[in-house]
Structures are given as C-alpha cells and as structure tokens.
C-alpha atoms as a PDB file:
ATOM      1  CA  UNK A   1     -23.973 -13.883  44.895  1.00  0.00           C
ATOM      2  CA  UNK A   2     -25.529 -12.093  41.918  1.00  0.00           C
ATOM      3  CA  UNK A   3     -22.671 -12.128  39.417  1.00  0.00           C
ATOM      4  CA  UNK A   4     -22.466 -15.959  39.152  1.00  0.00           C
ATOM      5  CA  UNK A   5     -26.215 -16.068  38.440  1.00  0.00           C
ATOM      6  CA  UNK A   6     -25.849 -13.456  35.715  1.00  0.00           C
ATOM      7  CA  UNK A   7     -22.866 -15.251  34.177  1.00  0.00           C
ATOM      8  CA  UNK A   8     -24.758 -18.541  34.165  1.00  0.00           C
ATOM      9  CA  UNK A   9     -27.744 -16.914  32.476  1.00  0.00           C
ATOM     10  CA  UNK A  10     -25.516 -15.362  29.795  1.00  0.00           C
ATOM     11  CA  UNK A  11     -23.826 -18.700  29.168  1.00  0.00           C
ATOM     12  CA  UNK A  12     -27.221 -20.379  28.854  1.00  0.00           C
ATOM     13  CA  UNK A  13     -28.326 -17.832  26.246  1.00  0.00           C
ATOM     14  CA  UNK A  14     -25.107 -17.471  24.245  1.00  0.00           C
ATOM     15  CA  UNK A  15     -24.358 -21.195  24.306  1.00  0.00           C
ATOM     16  CA  UNK A  16     -21.546 -22.501  22.108  1.00  0.00           C
ATOM     17  CA  UNK A  17     -21.752 -20.120  19.188  1.00  0.00           C
ATOM     18  CA  UNK A  18     -22.615 -16.715  20.591  1.00  0.00           C
ATOM     19  CA  UNK A  19     -25.331 -14.397  19.298  1.00  0.00           C
ATOM     20  CA  UNK A  20     -25.603 -15.512  15.671  1.00  0.00           C
ATOM     21  CA  UNK A  21     -28.170 -12.857  14.771  1.00  0.00           C
ATOM     22  CA  UNK A  22     -26.334  -9.810  16.136  1.00  0.00           C
ATOM     23  CA  UNK A  23     -22.993 -11.000  14.782  1.00  0.00           C
ATOM     24  CA  UNK A  24     -24.523 -11.383  11.312  1.00  0.00           C
ATOM     25  CA  UNK A  25     -26.443  -8.105  11.261  1.00  0.00           C
ATOM     26  CA  UNK A  26     -24.500  -5.621  13.406  1.00  0.00           C
ATOM     27  CA  UNK A  27     -20.900  -4.582  12.516  1.00  0.00           C
ATOM     28  CA  UNK A  28     -18.363  -5.393  15.220  1.00  0.00           C
ATOM     29  CA  UNK A  29     -17.306  -1.745  15.595  1.00  0.00           C
ATOM     30  CA  UNK A  30     -20.797  -0.220  15.696  1.00  0.00           C
ATOM     31  CA  UNK A  31     -21.627   1.701  18.873  1.00  0.00           C
ATOM     32  CA  UNK A  32     -25.100   2.400  20.230  1.00  0.00           C
ATOM     33  CA  UNK A  33     -27.036   4.059  22.986  1.00  0.00           C
ATOM     34  CA  UNK A  34     -30.062   2.342  24.488  1.00  0.00           C
ATOM     35  CA  UNK A  35     -32.390   2.507  27.479  1.00  0.00           C
ATOM     36  CA  UNK A  36     -34.462   0.137  29.529  1.00  0.00           C
ATOM     37  CA  UNK A  37     -37.987   1.564  29.513  1.00  0.00           C
ATOM     38  CA  UNK A  38     -41.048   0.614  31.567  1.00  0.00           C
ATOM     39  CA  UNK A  39     -44.032  -0.370  29.436  1.00  0.00           C
ATOM     40  CA  UNK A  40     -46.363  -0.729  32.423  1.00  0.00           C
ATOM     41  CA  UNK A  41     -46.837   0.686  35.914  1.00  0.00           C
ATOM     42  CA  UNK A  42     -45.252  -1.095  38.861  1.00  0.00           C
ATOM     43  CA  UNK A  43     -42.396  -1.214  41.348  1.00  0.00           C
ATOM     44  CA  UNK A  44     -38.788  -1.600  40.256  1.00  0.00           C
ATOM     45  CA  UNK A  45     -36.458  -4.367  41.453  1.00  0.00           C
ATOM     46  CA  UNK A  46     -33.356  -5.965  39.968  1.00  0.00           C
ATOM     47  CA  UNK A  47     -31.923  -2.969  38.143  1.00  0.00           C
ATOM     48  CA  UNK A  48     -28.374  -3.713  39.342  1.00  0.00           C
ATOM     49  CA  UNK A  49     -28.655  -7.292  38.115  1.00  0.00           C
ATOM     50  CA  UNK A  50     -29.832  -6.061  34.723  1.00  0.00           C
ATOM     51  CA  UNK A  51     -26.949  -3.587  34.466  1.00  0.00           C
ATOM     52  CA  UNK A  52     -24.514  -6.334  35.440  1.00  0.00           C
ATOM     53  CA  UNK A  53     -25.661  -8.489  32.513  1.00  0.00           C
ATOM     54  CA  UNK A  54     -24.480  -5.842  30.038  1.00  0.00           C
ATOM     55  CA  UNK A  55     -21.226  -5.074  31.832  1.00  0.00           C
ATOM     56  CA  UNK A  56     -20.257  -8.709  32.406  1.00  0.00           C
ATOM     57  CA  UNK A  57     -20.681  -9.399  28.698  1.00  0.00           C
ATOM     58  CA  UNK A  58     -18.666  -6.337  27.700  1.00  0.00           C
ATOM     59  CA  UNK A  59     -17.017  -4.044  30.273  1.00  0.00           C
ATOM     60  CA  UNK A  60     -16.922  -1.326  27.610  1.00  0.00           C
ATOM     61  CA  UNK A  61     -20.661  -0.808  28.102  1.00  0.00           C
ATOM     62  CA  UNK A  62     -21.549   2.003  30.498  1.00  0.00           C
ATOM     63  CA  UNK A  63     -24.809   1.650  32.408  1.00  0.00           C
ATOM     64  CA  UNK A  64     -26.266   4.746  34.077  1.00  0.00           C
ATOM     65  CA  UNK A  65     -29.178   4.064  36.457  1.00  0.00           C
ATOM     66  CA  UNK A  66     -32.033   6.534  36.113  1.00  0.00           C
ATOM     67  CA  UNK A  67     -34.248   4.910  38.770  1.00  0.00           C
ATOM     68  CA  UNK A  68     -33.614   2.914  41.946  1.00  0.00           C
ATOM     69  CA  UNK A  69     -35.032  -0.377  43.177  1.00  0.00           C
ATOM     70  CA  UNK A  70     -38.213   0.276  45.134  1.00  0.00           C
ATOM     71  CA  UNK A  71     -39.227   3.211  42.939  1.00  0.00           C
ATOM     72  CA  UNK A  72     -42.752   3.370  41.576  1.00  0.00           C
ATOM     73  CA  UNK A  73     -42.756   3.244  37.782  1.00  0.00           C
ATOM     74  CA  UNK A  74     -45.096   4.706  35.192  1.00  0.00           C
ATOM     75  CA  UNK A  75     -45.291   3.623  31.542  1.00  0.00           C
ATOM     76  CA  UNK A  76     -42.553   5.357  29.576  1.00  0.00           C
ATOM     77  CA  UNK A  77     -40.142   5.799  32.473  1.00  0.00           C
ATOM     78  CA  UNK A  78     -36.499   5.240  31.552  1.00  0.00           C
ATOM     79  CA  UNK A  79     -34.716   3.028  34.078  1.00  0.00           C
ATOM     80  CA  UNK A  80     -31.196   2.495  32.758  1.00  0.00           C
ATOM     81  CA  UNK A  81     -29.230   4.269  30.019  1.00  0.00           C
ATOM     82  CA  UNK A  82     -26.642   2.201  28.129  1.00  0.00           C
ATOM     83  CA  UNK A  83     -23.795   3.196  25.856  1.00  0.00           C
ATOM     84  CA  UNK A  84     -21.253   0.943  24.198  1.00  0.00           C
ATOM     85  CA  UNK A  85     -20.750  -1.780  21.573  1.00  0.00           C
ATOM     86  CA  UNK A  86     -24.095  -2.424  19.890  1.00  0.00           C
ATOM     87  CA  UNK A  87     -23.600  -6.174  19.519  1.00  0.00           C
ATOM     88  CA  UNK A  88     -22.999  -6.668  23.217  1.00  0.00           C
ATOM     89  CA  UNK A  89     -25.993  -4.529  24.163  1.00  0.00           C
ATOM     90  CA  UNK A  90     -28.263  -6.691  22.001  1.00  0.00           C
ATOM     91  CA  UNK A  91     -26.654  -9.934  23.150  1.00  0.00           C
ATOM     92  CA  UNK A  92     -27.208  -9.152  26.843  1.00  0.00           C
ATOM     93  CA  UNK A  93     -30.666  -7.668  26.326  1.00  0.00           C
ATOM     94  CA  UNK A  94     -32.773 -10.748  27.041  1.00  0.00           C
ATOM     95  CA  UNK A  95     -30.885 -11.844  30.157  1.00  0.00           C
ATOM     96  CA  UNK A  96     -31.101  -8.322  31.558  1.00  0.00           C
ATOM     97  CA  UNK A  97     -34.804  -8.045  30.792  1.00  0.00           C
ATOM     98  CA  UNK A  98     -35.616 -11.511  32.107  1.00  0.00           C
ATOM     99  CA  UNK A  99     -34.108 -10.544  35.444  1.00  0.00           C
ATOM    100  CA  UNK A 100     -35.509  -7.043  35.841  1.00  0.00           C
ATOM    101  CA  UNK A 101     -38.986  -7.938  34.521  1.00  0.00           C
ATOM    102  CA  UNK A 102     -39.302 -10.973  36.804  1.00  0.00           C
ATOM    103  CA  UNK A 103     -37.975  -9.240  39.908  1.00  0.00           C
ATOM    104  CA  UNK A 104     -40.011  -6.088  39.283  1.00  0.00           C
ATOM    105  CA  UNK A 105     -43.098  -8.269  38.934  1.00  0.00           C
ATOM    106  CA  UNK A 106     -42.434  -9.703  42.400  1.00  0.00           C
ATOM    107  CA  UNK A 107     -41.852  -6.231  43.842  1.00  0.00           C
ATOM    108  CA  UNK A 108     -45.032  -4.944  42.198  1.00  0.00           C
ATOM    109  CA  UNK A 109     -47.146  -7.804  43.566  1.00  0.00           C
ATOM    110  CA  UNK A 110     -45.666  -7.321  47.019  1.00  0.00           C
ATOM    111  CA  UNK A 111     -46.322  -3.586  46.956  1.00  0.00           C
ATOM    112  CA  UNK A 112     -49.945  -4.306  46.063  1.00  0.00           C
ATOM    113  CA  UNK A 113     -50.429  -6.521  49.110  1.00  0.00           C
ATOM    114  CA  UNK A 114     -48.591  -4.085  51.368  1.00  0.00           C
ATOM    115  CA  UNK A 115     -50.861  -1.255  50.230  1.00  0.00           C
ATOM    116  CA  UNK A 116     -53.971  -3.393  50.692  1.00  0.00           C
ATOM    117  CA  UNK A 117     -53.263  -4.189  54.359  1.00  0.00           C
ATOM    118  CA  UNK A 118     -52.766  -0.597  55.470  1.00  0.00           C
ATOM    119  CA  UNK A 119     -53.350   0.616  58.171  1.00  0.00           C
ATOM    120  CA  UNK A 120     -53.130  -2.756  59.950  1.00  0.00           C
ATOM    121  CA  UNK A 121     -49.777  -3.380  61.723  1.00  0.00           C
ATOM    122  CA  UNK A 122     -49.050  -6.587  59.822  1.00  0.00           C
ATOM    123  CA  UNK A 123     -45.991  -7.734  57.852  1.00  0.00           C
ATOM    124  CA  UNK A 124     -46.376  -9.174  54.348  1.00  0.00           C
ATOM    125  CA  UNK A 125     -43.809 -11.876  53.681  1.00  0.00           C
ATOM    126  CA  UNK A 126     -42.825 -14.481  51.116  1.00  0.00           C
ATOM    127  CA  UNK A 127     -41.992 -18.200  51.494  1.00  0.00           C
ATOM    128  CA  UNK A 128     -39.433 -20.724  50.217  1.00  0.00           C
ATOM    129  CA  UNK A 129     -41.524 -21.270  47.066  1.00  0.00           C
ATOM    130  CA  UNK A 130     -38.878 -19.681  44.891  1.00  0.00           C
ATOM    131  CA  UNK A 131     -37.214 -20.392  41.548  1.00  0.00           C
ATOM    132  CA  UNK A 132     -34.236 -22.732  42.143  1.00  0.00           C
ATOM    133  CA  UNK A 133     -31.059 -20.675  42.077  1.00  0.00           C
ATOM    134  CA  UNK A 134     -32.841 -17.312  42.206  1.00  0.00           C
ATOM    135  CA  UNK A 135     -33.998 -17.280  45.829  1.00  0.00           C
ATOM    136  CA  UNK A 136     -31.652 -14.515  46.968  1.00  0.00           C
ATOM    137  CA  UNK A 137     -32.812 -12.210  44.181  1.00  0.00           C
ATOM    138  CA  UNK A 138     -36.498 -13.069  44.580  1.00  0.00           C
ATOM    139  CA  UNK A 139     -36.371 -12.520  48.341  1.00  0.00           C
ATOM    140  CA  UNK A 140     -34.620  -9.215  47.670  1.00  0.00           C
ATOM    141  CA  UNK A 141     -37.413  -8.210  45.264  1.00  0.00           C
ATOM    142  CA  UNK A 142     -39.982  -8.801  48.008  1.00  0.00           C
ATOM    143  CA  UNK A 143     -38.083  -6.374  50.231  1.00  0.00           C
ATOM    144  CA  UNK A 144     -37.895  -3.852  47.378  1.00  0.00           C
ATOM    145  CA  UNK A 145     -41.686  -4.014  47.214  1.00  0.00           C
ATOM    146  CA  UNK A 146     -42.033  -3.179  50.900  1.00  0.00           C
ATOM    147  CA  UNK A 147     -42.426  -6.739  52.176  1.00  0.00           C
ATOM    148  CA  UNK A 148     -40.378  -8.816  54.584  1.00  0.00           C
ATOM    149  CA  UNK A 149     -38.609 -12.145  54.249  1.00  0.00           C
ATOM    150  CA  UNK A 150     -39.539 -15.429  55.886  1.00  0.00           C
ATOM    151  CA  UNK A 151     -36.685 -17.865  56.552  1.00  0.00           C
ATOM    152  CA  UNK A 152     -34.169 -17.891  53.721  1.00  0.00           C
ATOM    153  CA  UNK A 153     -33.645 -21.665  53.819  1.00  0.00           C
ATOM    154  CA  UNK A 154     -33.986 -24.795  55.904  1.00  0.00           C
ATOM    155  CA  UNK A 155     -30.928 -23.829  57.910  1.00  0.00           C
ATOM    156  CA  UNK A 156     -31.920 -20.555  59.598  1.00  0.00           C
ATOM    157  CA  UNK A 157     -35.169 -21.385  61.421  1.00  0.00           C
ATOM    158  CA  UNK A 158     -37.353 -24.349  62.406  1.00  0.00           C
ATOM    159  CA  UNK A 159     -40.779 -24.600  60.766  1.00  0.00           C
ATOM    160  CA  UNK A 160     -42.709 -27.681  61.855  1.00  0.00           C
ATOM    161  CA  UNK A 161     -45.275 -28.559  59.192  1.00  0.00           C
ATOM    162  CA  UNK A 162     -47.987 -31.201  58.885  1.00  0.00           C
ATOM    163  CA  UNK A 163     -45.655 -33.968  57.717  1.00  0.00           C
ATOM    164  CA  UNK A 164     -43.283 -33.360  60.626  1.00  0.00           C
ATOM    165  CA  UNK A 165     -46.255 -33.509  63.009  1.00  0.00           C
ATOM    166  CA  UNK A 166     -47.496 -36.762  61.454  1.00  0.00           C
ATOM    167  CA  UNK A 167     -44.083 -38.388  61.843  1.00  0.00           C
ATOM    168  CA  UNK A 168     -43.633 -37.097  65.404  1.00  0.00           C
ATOM    169  CA  UNK A 169     -47.056 -38.305  66.507  1.00  0.00           C
ATOM    170  CA  UNK A 170     -48.546 -34.932  67.382  1.00  0.00           C
ATOM    171  CA  UNK A 171     -48.097 -31.175  67.535  1.00  0.00           C
ATOM    172  CA  UNK A 172     -46.872 -30.955  71.124  1.00  0.00           C
ATOM    173  CA  UNK A 173     -44.343 -33.760  70.680  1.00  0.00           C
ATOM    174  CA  UNK A 174     -42.944 -32.204  67.515  1.00  0.00           C
ATOM    175  CA  UNK A 175     -42.475 -28.812  69.179  1.00  0.00           C
ATOM    176  CA  UNK A 176     -40.959 -30.398  72.293  1.00  0.00           C
ATOM    177  CA  UNK A 177     -38.403 -32.275  70.188  1.00  0.00           C
ATOM    178  CA  UNK A 178     -37.545 -29.118  68.273  1.00  0.00           C
ATOM    179  CA  UNK A 179     -37.124 -27.088  71.462  1.00  0.00           C
ATOM    180  CA  UNK A 180     -34.705 -29.673  72.847  1.00  0.00           C
ATOM    181  CA  UNK A 181     -32.563 -29.476  69.695  1.00  0.00           C
ATOM    182  CA  UNK A 182     -32.704 -25.797  68.744  1.00  0.00           C
ATOM    183  CA  UNK A 183     -29.897 -23.375  69.496  1.00  0.00           C
ATOM    184  CA  UNK A 184     -30.691 -20.341  71.604  1.00  0.00           C
ATOM    185  CA  UNK A 185     -30.873 -18.063  68.552  1.00  0.00           C
ATOM    186  CA  UNK A 186     -33.056 -20.376  66.439  1.00  0.00           C
ATOM    187  CA  UNK A 187     -36.768 -19.545  66.256  1.00  0.00           C
ATOM    188  CA  UNK A 188     -39.386 -22.311  66.194  1.00  0.00           C
ATOM    189  CA  UNK A 189     -42.661 -22.018  64.282  1.00  0.00           C
ATOM    190  CA  UNK A 190     -45.343 -24.678  64.116  1.00  0.00           C
ATOM    191  CA  UNK A 191     -48.070 -25.012  61.484  1.00  0.00           C
ATOM    192  CA  UNK A 192     -51.640 -25.703  62.577  1.00  0.00           C
ATOM    193  CA  UNK A 193     -54.677 -25.987  60.353  1.00  0.00           C
ATOM    194  CA  UNK A 194     -57.279 -26.549  63.075  1.00  0.00           C
ATOM    195  CA  UNK A 195     -58.063 -24.489  66.142  1.00  0.00           C
ATOM    196  CA  UNK A 196     -58.085 -27.590  68.351  1.00  0.00           C
ATOM    197  CA  UNK A 197     -54.357 -28.051  67.611  1.00  0.00           C
ATOM    198  CA  UNK A 198     -53.515 -24.577  68.818  1.00  0.00           C
ATOM    199  CA  UNK A 199     -53.516 -25.070  72.609  1.00  0.00           C
ATOM    200  CA  UNK A 200     -51.369 -28.199  72.309  1.00  0.00           C
ATOM    201  CA  UNK A 201     -48.897 -26.315  70.146  1.00  0.00           C
ATOM    202  CA  UNK A 202     -48.782 -23.293  72.454  1.00  0.00           C
ATOM    203  CA  UNK A 203     -48.216 -25.503  75.485  1.00  0.00           C
ATOM    204  CA  UNK A 204     -44.882 -26.595  74.045  1.00  0.00           C
ATOM    205  CA  UNK A 205     -43.730 -22.969  73.716  1.00  0.00           C
ATOM    206  CA  UNK A 206     -43.157 -22.182  70.020  1.00  0.00           C
ATOM    207  CA  UNK A 207     -42.032 -18.714  69.006  1.00  0.00           C
ATOM    208  CA  UNK A 208     -44.620 -18.505  66.215  1.00  0.00           C
ATOM    209  CA  UNK A 209     -47.665 -20.355  64.918  1.00  0.00           C
ATOM    210  CA  UNK A 210     -48.521 -20.627  61.239  1.00  0.00           C
ATOM    211  CA  UNK A 211     -52.301 -20.603  60.819  1.00  0.00           C
ATOM    212  CA  UNK A 212     -52.814 -22.465  57.566  1.00  0.00           C
ATOM    213  CA  UNK A 213     -55.834 -21.966  55.296  1.00  0.00           C
ATOM    214  CA  UNK A 214     -58.087 -20.547  58.004  1.00  0.00           C
ATOM    215  CA  UNK A 215     -61.032 -18.243  57.400  1.00  0.00           C
ATOM    216  CA  UNK A 216     -60.923 -14.673  58.748  1.00  0.00           C
ATOM    217  CA  UNK A 217     -63.283 -15.774  61.531  1.00  0.00           C
ATOM    218  CA  UNK A 218     -61.019 -18.672  62.483  1.00  0.00           C
ATOM    219  CA  UNK A 219     -58.013 -16.374  62.369  1.00  0.00           C
ATOM    220  CA  UNK A 220     -59.668 -13.929  64.774  1.00  0.00           C
ATOM    221  CA  UNK A 221     -60.395 -16.782  67.179  1.00  0.00           C
ATOM    222  CA  UNK A 222     -56.829 -18.052  66.835  1.00  0.00           C
ATOM    223  CA  UNK A 223     -55.444 -14.598  67.657  1.00  0.00           C
ATOM    224  CA  UNK A 224     -57.692 -14.529  70.749  1.00  0.00           C
ATOM    225  CA  UNK A 225     -56.464 -17.953  71.866  1.00  0.00           C
ATOM    226  CA  UNK A 226     -52.800 -17.117  71.307  1.00  0.00           C
ATOM    227  CA  UNK A 227     -53.208 -13.865  73.266  1.00  0.00           C
ATOM    228  CA  UNK A 228     -49.695 -12.674  72.528  1.00  0.00           C
ATOM    229  CA  UNK A 229     -47.941 -15.885  73.548  1.00  0.00           C
ATOM    230  CA  UNK A 230     -46.494 -16.345  70.054  1.00  0.00           C
ATOM    231  CA  UNK A 231     -46.227 -14.538  66.737  1.00  0.00           C
ATOM    232  CA  UNK A 232     -49.240 -15.376  64.561  1.00  0.00           C
ATOM    233  CA  UNK A 233     -48.793 -15.962  60.817  1.00  0.00           C
ATOM    234  CA  UNK A 234     -51.663 -16.433  58.354  1.00  0.00           C
ATOM    235  CA  UNK A 235     -50.930 -18.381  55.178  1.00  0.00           C
ATOM    236  CA  UNK A 236     -52.901 -20.027  52.382  1.00  0.00           C
ATOM    237  CA  UNK A 237     -55.419 -18.480  50.020  1.00  0.00           C
ATOM    238  CA  UNK A 238     -53.949 -14.993  50.305  1.00  0.00           C
ATOM    239  CA  UNK A 239     -54.937 -12.785  47.376  1.00  0.00           C
ATOM    240  CA  UNK A 240     -55.189  -9.063  46.735  1.00  0.00           C
ATOM    241  CA  UNK A 241     -58.934  -9.411  47.285  1.00  0.00           C
ATOM    242  CA  UNK A 242     -58.735 -11.295  50.596  1.00  0.00           C
ATOM    243  CA  UNK A 243     -55.618  -9.892  52.247  1.00  0.00           C
ATOM    244  CA  UNK A 244     -57.322  -6.914  53.932  1.00  0.00           C
ATOM    245  CA  UNK A 245     -59.809  -9.236  55.689  1.00  0.00           C
ATOM    246  CA  UNK A 246     -56.962 -11.440  56.818  1.00  0.00           C
ATOM    247  CA  UNK A 247     -55.046  -8.424  58.142  1.00  0.00           C
ATOM    248  CA  UNK A 248     -58.129  -7.255  60.049  1.00  0.00           C
ATOM    249  CA  UNK A 249     -58.128 -10.518  62.020  1.00  0.00           C
ATOM    250  CA  UNK A 250     -55.184  -9.233  64.038  1.00  0.00           C
ATOM    251  CA  UNK A 251     -52.458 -11.612  62.852  1.00  0.00           C
ATOM    252  CA  UNK A 252     -48.868 -10.398  62.973  1.00  0.00           C
ATOM    253  CA  UNK A 253     -47.657 -11.768  59.638  1.00  0.00           C
ATOM    254  CA  UNK A 254     -49.258 -12.704  56.311  1.00  0.00           C
ATOM    255  CA  UNK A 255     -47.261 -14.970  53.984  1.00  0.00           C
ATOM    256  CA  UNK A 256     -47.966 -15.632  50.326  1.00  0.00           C
ATOM    257  CA  UNK A 257     -45.991 -18.130  48.249  1.00  0.00           C
ATOM    258  CA  UNK A 258     -47.327 -16.797  44.962  1.00  0.00           C
ATOM    259  CA  UNK A 259     -45.338 -13.577  45.382  1.00  0.00           C
ATOM    260  CA  UNK A 260     -42.236 -15.458  44.247  1.00  0.00           C
ATOM    261  CA  UNK A 261     -43.618 -18.389  42.256  1.00  0.00           C
ATOM    262  CA  UNK A 262     -46.480 -16.822  40.305  1.00  0.00           C
ATOM    263  CA  UNK A 263     -46.233 -13.028  40.257  1.00  0.00           C
ATOM    264  CA  UNK A 264     -46.615 -11.799  36.662  1.00  0.00           C
ATOM    265  CA  UNK A 265     -43.566 -10.106  35.174  1.00  0.00           C
ATOM    266  CA  UNK A 266     -43.595  -6.342  34.796  1.00  0.00           C
ATOM    267  CA  UNK A 267     -43.386  -5.279  31.151  1.00  0.00           C
ATOM    268  CA  UNK A 268     -40.024  -3.569  30.547  1.00  0.00           C
ATOM    269  CA  UNK A 269     -38.278  -3.255  27.191  1.00  0.00           C
ATOM    270  CA  UNK A 270     -35.020  -2.078  25.642  1.00  0.00           C
ATOM    271  CA  UNK A 271     -35.120   0.759  23.129  1.00  0.00           C
ATOM    272  CA  UNK A 272     -32.226   1.751  20.877  1.00  0.00           C
ATOM    273  CA  UNK A 273     -31.884   5.540  21.091  1.00  0.00           C
ATOM    274  CA  UNK A 274     -31.500   7.441  17.845  1.00  0.00           C
ATOM    275  CA  UNK A 275     -31.009  11.121  17.139  1.00  0.00           C
END
C-alpha cells in the first residue's frame, strides 16, 4: 500500500522534466553520503516510507535505518544513513521528508496525549479525519505514537451520527435499523450529544456510545448511566490540556480528529555528510 503512494508523490514532485536544479548543479556520476537528522524532540514514524522514496527513485541508494518507528527522538539524532548517487538523494529528499515529518508529527502528538492520560485505563484513538490517500500511513503513525485506531473506513464498522439520527427519526430507531442490518462481526456505535438521548440509545443495544462535546461532569454522569452496558467514547474538544480531565471521567476511549488533520510536523532535515 505504501509504495504506490511514494511513487505518486515522486511523480508529483519530479513532474515532466525531472529535478532541474540537481541535474544542472550536481554531476551525474557524483556520489554522496547523507543522513536524515531530527531537529526537534518527538516520536518517530514513517521512516520506512522515507527510505522507500530514495530507493524507488534510484535502487543504487542504500538506506540504513539508525532508529525505529516509535522511538523517542532528541535534536541531533540521526535516523537514516544514505549512500549513493547524489542527484537521486537530493531529488527524493523533499518527498522523503514530507512523509517522515508529517507522520512523526502525528506520532508525537499521539504520544503526548497518551502520556497525559496515564494512569487512567483509557485508549487514545484517531478518527477518519485524515488526508485523502494517506489514511493508512496516518493511522499507522497514531499506532507508532502509542495510540489506537478507530474504524479505518465506512466499511468496517457502523457509526450512527447526528445526521443518520435525524433521517431515521430518532436514536433508538436508527440503532434498531442498524442492528437488523449488521453482520455478526460488525460493531455498532451511536453518537449522542445529550444525556437524555443516552437511555434511548442504550435500549436498542449498541456496542459503543460516542459522547460528543460533553463536559467532564457530563461524561462522568454518562459513564454512570451506561454502567458497563456499552463502550464509552469521548470526542470533541480534546486537547493536551483537557485530556486528563476527560480520562478521569471513566470513559473507555478518547478520540481526537486533530491527531491526523492538524498535528504539527516534526522538524527533520537531510544533511550531506562530508569528511
């Protein structure tokens, strides 16, 4: 799944004419050694994808990993050592860095939330708010940061949201319809944003309830009402500052869409190594 994404990114960057700058400045037979180096602290993800960018462009490039996805990084850490044709190293540089910086940013943000909720027995998870075409990699980066994945797409679980409820005429009716249609291995989750919806939803027997944009006090009351009859998931307004309070409410899962759509990239660069 990863190689086609990398090839598409290289094609986007090299376009019709290749790397005009490197071809003009760097002799075709010049060899080089280089390294990917962390400029900031964080958690690594996407190193294999970065290495693949160099090797897809020119199989003559060797890429030796010096760190592994999930590792904590400090400024100055070398992640990947490269050796091969200098032009190809420079031509693949931006694609490789775009991938590893973006994915490491997601892993770093996830690791921050995971650390903030300790010692509560709660899972931090992402959502479907991902970059089109990069979902598999972004979901992987969440796992590298110590988080868990929500459903991967519309086809592996049922999540009944407010618009489904509006069209079905109510929470209980929506869940009942879903239960009648779902296969025996398909989980059903229903979103509620008010406590008075919760009993109706639970009466129809969902596997999980998504408690949307509730305060910590409302979440505690929701957990009391559910009383173990379904998995409880808190979502909406989750930040590094608020996540510990949310975890203390007793919910089973905390989901945050910004992990994949807004996490800042981790600063990683490529350095040419000289004697």
